[in-house]
Amino acid sequence: MFRLFSLAIILVFTNPASASKLLILGDSLSAGYQMPIEKAWPTLLPDVLSNKGKPVEVINASISGDTTGNGIARLPQLLSQHQPDYVLIELGANDGLRGFPPKLIQTNLGKMIDMVRQSESTPLLMQIRVLPNYGKRYTEAFAELYPKTAQQHQVTLLPFFLEGVITKPDWMMSDGLHPKPEAQPWIAEFVANELINHL
């Protein structure tokens, strides 16, 4: 989740020409942290969705270390360049690690959702949770800002995939924050199952 790359990881994984476009705007959890990008779950996602009868072109624009503020800065160009049908926002973990105010994070997520809608794309938001580094009060406020944002902006909220991974120590890296390559197929299947009824 730390900002390790100065250049965006923008990789396109294509299925048939009739496929819709899904842009993933995320951080290291989606950027293939410390692994070949072909093993990261966004790379695996098109095949999983295609097998479920939903051909999708996935554009992975995730960067390790990105915050919601970075997402706001990068999103207009990404929308203009790729013209996606859907945008999955997977951001906020780095904000939480730095103790950013939940209200600020909520505002930033709302701005990105509005940007996506103004581009005539459909926004999707992923729930994020953080470790209790800043105490119970902050951790709970952080977790609650996602359903509040989803309700306020009437946007689909997808569950946090890491909750199904962190309980399996063999799937987590030694930092306790990032899933290993072994976890990526499960994450791709999980995200596909959550996305399929919204694409």
Foldseek 3Di string as FASTA:
>chain_A
DAFDDPDWDWDKAFDDPPAFEEEEEAACQQCVPPHPSCLAQLVVQQVLLVVVVHHHIYIYRYGHRDALVVCLVPVVVVCVVPVGQEYEYHHHANCVVVPPDLVVSLVSVLSSCVSCVVSVHAYEYEQDFYDQPPHDVSRVSNRVSQVVSCVVSVHHYHYDLCVVVLVPVVQDDPVSPYGDSVCSVVSSNRVSVRCVVVD
